[in-house]
Each structure stands twice: as C-alpha cells, then as structure tokens.
C-alpha cells in the first residue's frame, strides 16, 4: 500500500512539473501578445562620463 501511495505522489509531481513547463512555454510565446508592456524593454538613454587614462 505504501508503494502505491509513493508511486501516486511521484506521478502527481511529474505531472505538475510537465504542466508547469508547458504553462511557462505558453506564457513565453503568448505573453508578449497579451501583455506587451510586461515584455517591453525599458527605453531610456543613459549617459555617463568615462575617463580613460592612457600610458601611465
């Protein structure tokens, strides 16, 4: 009986892992179409001064 319970738990865990992977894959493909703001890269110009010392 214990062996059946452990096998059922392992099966349930594997099914959850597969469903989670499929959900993440679907979100990666469909997400940008449904939630474009979440996937957009931040658009801002960054200007920082750089000091280069040569020959010291």
N, C-alpha and C. Protein backbone atom coordinates (compact mmCIF):
# COMPACT_ATOMS: atom_id res chain seq x y z
N UNK A 1 0.81 -1.20 0.00
CA UNK A 1 0.00 0.00 0.00
C UNK A 1 0.86 1.26 0.00
N UNK A 2 1.93 1.24 0.78
CA UNK A 2 2.82 2.39 0.82
C UNK A 2 3.48 2.61 -0.54
N UNK A 3 3.80 1.53 -1.20
CA UNK A 3 4.44 1.62 -2.52
C UNK A 3 3.50 2.30 -3.52
N UNK A 4 2.20 1.99 -3.45
CA UNK A 4 1.21 2.62 -4.33
C UNK A 4 1.10 4.11 -4.05
N UNK A 5 1.11 4.47 -2.78
CA UNK A 5 1.00 5.87 -2.40
C UNK A 5 2.21 6.66 -2.89
N UNK A 6 3.39 6.11 -2.71
CA UNK A 6 4.61 6.79 -3.17
C UNK A 6 4.59 6.94 -4.68
N UNK A 7 4.19 5.88 -5.40
CA UNK A 7 4.12 5.96 -6.86
C UNK A 7 3.11 7.02 -7.31
N UNK A 8 1.98 7.11 -6.61
CA UNK A 8 0.96 8.11 -6.94
C UNK A 8 1.51 9.52 -6.71
N UNK A 9 2.25 9.72 -5.63
CA UNK A 9 2.84 11.03 -5.36
C UNK A 9 3.90 11.39 -6.40
N UNK A 10 4.71 10.43 -6.79
CA UNK A 10 5.72 10.68 -7.82
C UNK A 10 5.05 11.03 -9.14
N UNK A 11 4.01 10.30 -9.49
CA UNK A 11 3.27 10.57 -10.72
C UNK A 11 2.66 11.97 -10.70
N UNK A 12 2.06 12.33 -9.57
CA UNK A 12 1.45 13.65 -9.44
C UNK A 12 2.51 14.74 -9.56
N UNK A 13 3.67 14.53 -8.95
CA UNK A 13 4.74 15.52 -9.03
C UNK A 13 5.24 15.67 -10.46
N UNK A 14 5.40 14.57 -11.17
CA UNK A 14 5.84 14.63 -12.57
C UNK A 14 4.82 15.34 -13.45
N UNK A 15 3.56 15.07 -13.20
CA UNK A 15 2.50 15.73 -13.98
C UNK A 15 2.52 17.23 -13.71
N UNK A 16 2.70 17.62 -12.46
CA UNK A 16 2.78 19.05 -12.13
C UNK A 16 3.98 19.71 -12.78
N UNK A 17 5.11 19.03 -12.82
CA UNK A 17 6.31 19.59 -13.46
C UNK A 17 6.06 19.79 -14.95
N UNK A 18 5.46 18.81 -15.59
CA UNK A 18 5.19 18.91 -17.03
C UNK A 18 4.19 20.03 -17.31
N UNK A 19 3.14 20.12 -16.51
CA UNK A 19 2.15 21.18 -16.71
C UNK A 19 2.75 22.56 -16.46
N UNK A 20 3.62 22.67 -15.48
CA UNK A 20 4.28 23.95 -15.21
C UNK A 20 5.18 24.35 -16.38
N UNK A 21 5.94 23.39 -16.91
CA UNK A 21 6.81 23.68 -18.04
C UNK A 21 5.98 24.11 -19.25
N UNK A 22 4.87 23.42 -19.51
CA UNK A 22 4.01 23.81 -20.63
C UNK A 22 3.40 25.20 -20.41
N UNK A 23 3.03 25.50 -19.19
CA UNK A 23 2.48 26.82 -18.88
C UNK A 23 3.50 27.93 -19.10
N UNK A 24 4.72 27.70 -18.66
CA UNK A 24 5.77 28.71 -18.87
C UNK A 24 6.09 28.88 -20.35
N UNK A 25 6.11 27.80 -21.08
CA UNK A 25 6.35 27.86 -22.52
C UNK A 25 5.23 28.64 -23.21
N UNK A 26 4.00 28.36 -22.85
CA UNK A 26 2.87 29.07 -23.44
C UNK A 26 2.92 30.55 -23.09
N UNK A 27 3.28 30.88 -21.86
CA UNK A 27 3.37 32.28 -21.46
C UNK A 27 4.48 33.00 -22.22
N UNK A 28 5.59 32.30 -22.48
CA UNK A 28 6.69 32.91 -23.22
C UNK A 28 6.28 33.22 -24.66
N UNK A 29 5.46 32.37 -25.25
CA UNK A 29 5.03 32.60 -26.63
C UNK A 29 3.84 33.54 -26.75
N UNK A 30 2.86 33.39 -25.87
CA UNK A 30 1.62 34.16 -25.98
C UNK A 30 1.68 35.43 -25.15
N UNK A 31 2.50 35.46 -24.13
CA UNK A 31 2.57 36.61 -23.23
C UNK A 31 2.82 37.94 -23.91
N UNK A 32 3.80 38.03 -24.83
CA UNK A 32 4.03 39.33 -25.48
C UNK A 32 2.83 39.84 -26.27
N UNK A 33 1.99 38.95 -26.75
CA UNK A 33 0.79 39.39 -27.48
C UNK A 33 -0.31 39.87 -26.53
N UNK A 34 -0.39 39.24 -25.36
CA UNK A 34 -1.45 39.61 -24.42
C UNK A 34 -1.02 40.72 -23.46
N UNK A 35 0.25 40.73 -23.06
CA UNK A 35 0.76 41.70 -22.10
C UNK A 35 2.01 42.38 -22.66
N UNK A 36 1.89 43.22 -23.68
CA UNK A 36 3.09 43.78 -24.32
C UNK A 36 3.91 44.67 -23.38
N UNK A 37 3.28 45.34 -22.43
CA UNK A 37 4.03 46.22 -21.54
C UNK A 37 4.96 45.44 -20.62
N UNK A 38 4.57 44.23 -20.24
CA UNK A 38 5.41 43.43 -19.36
C UNK A 38 6.67 42.93 -20.06
N UNK A 39 6.62 42.81 -21.37
CA UNK A 39 7.74 42.25 -22.11
C UNK A 39 8.57 43.31 -22.81
N UNK A 40 8.15 44.56 -22.76
CA UNK A 40 8.88 45.62 -23.46
C UNK A 40 10.16 45.97 -22.71
N UNK A 41 11.21 46.20 -23.48
CA UNK A 41 12.48 46.61 -22.88
C UNK A 41 12.36 48.06 -22.42
N UNK A 42 13.00 48.40 -21.30
CA UNK A 42 12.94 49.79 -20.85
C UNK A 42 13.65 50.70 -21.86
N UNK A 43 12.99 51.81 -22.20
CA UNK A 43 13.53 52.72 -23.20
C UNK A 43 13.93 54.01 -22.51
N UNK A 44 15.23 54.16 -22.30
CA UNK A 44 15.76 55.41 -21.77
C UNK A 44 17.24 55.48 -22.10
N UNK A 45 17.68 56.68 -22.41
CA UNK A 45 19.08 56.88 -22.76
C UNK A 45 19.89 57.07 -21.49
N UNK A 46 21.01 56.39 -21.40
CA UNK A 46 21.87 56.50 -20.23
C UNK A 46 23.19 57.14 -20.70
N UNK A 47 23.52 58.27 -20.08
CA UNK A 47 24.75 58.97 -20.43
C UNK A 47 25.59 59.08 -19.17
N UNK A 48 26.78 58.47 -19.21
CA UNK A 48 27.70 58.53 -18.08
C UNK A 48 29.08 58.92 -18.59
N UNK A 49 29.72 59.83 -17.90
CA UNK A 49 31.07 60.22 -18.33
C UNK A 49 32.08 59.10 -18.05
N UNK A 50 33.04 58.95 -18.98
CA UNK A 50 34.06 57.93 -18.86
C UNK A 50 35.42 58.61 -18.97
N UNK A 51 36.31 58.30 -18.01
CA UNK A 51 37.66 58.85 -18.06
C UNK A 51 38.61 57.73 -18.39
N UNK A 52 39.38 57.93 -19.48
CA UNK A 52 40.34 56.92 -19.92
C UNK A 52 41.72 57.48 -19.74
N UNK A 53 42.54 56.79 -18.95
CA UNK A 53 43.92 57.22 -18.74
C UNK A 53 44.83 56.27 -19.52
N UNK A 54 45.62 56.83 -20.44
CA UNK A 54 46.47 56.04 -21.30
C UNK A 54 47.93 56.36 -21.01
N UNK A 55 48.75 55.31 -20.91
CA UNK A 55 50.20 55.48 -20.82
C UNK A 55 50.74 55.93 -19.47
N UNK A 56 50.25 55.47 -18.42
CA UNK A 56 50.80 55.86 -17.12
C UNK A 56 51.59 54.77 -16.52
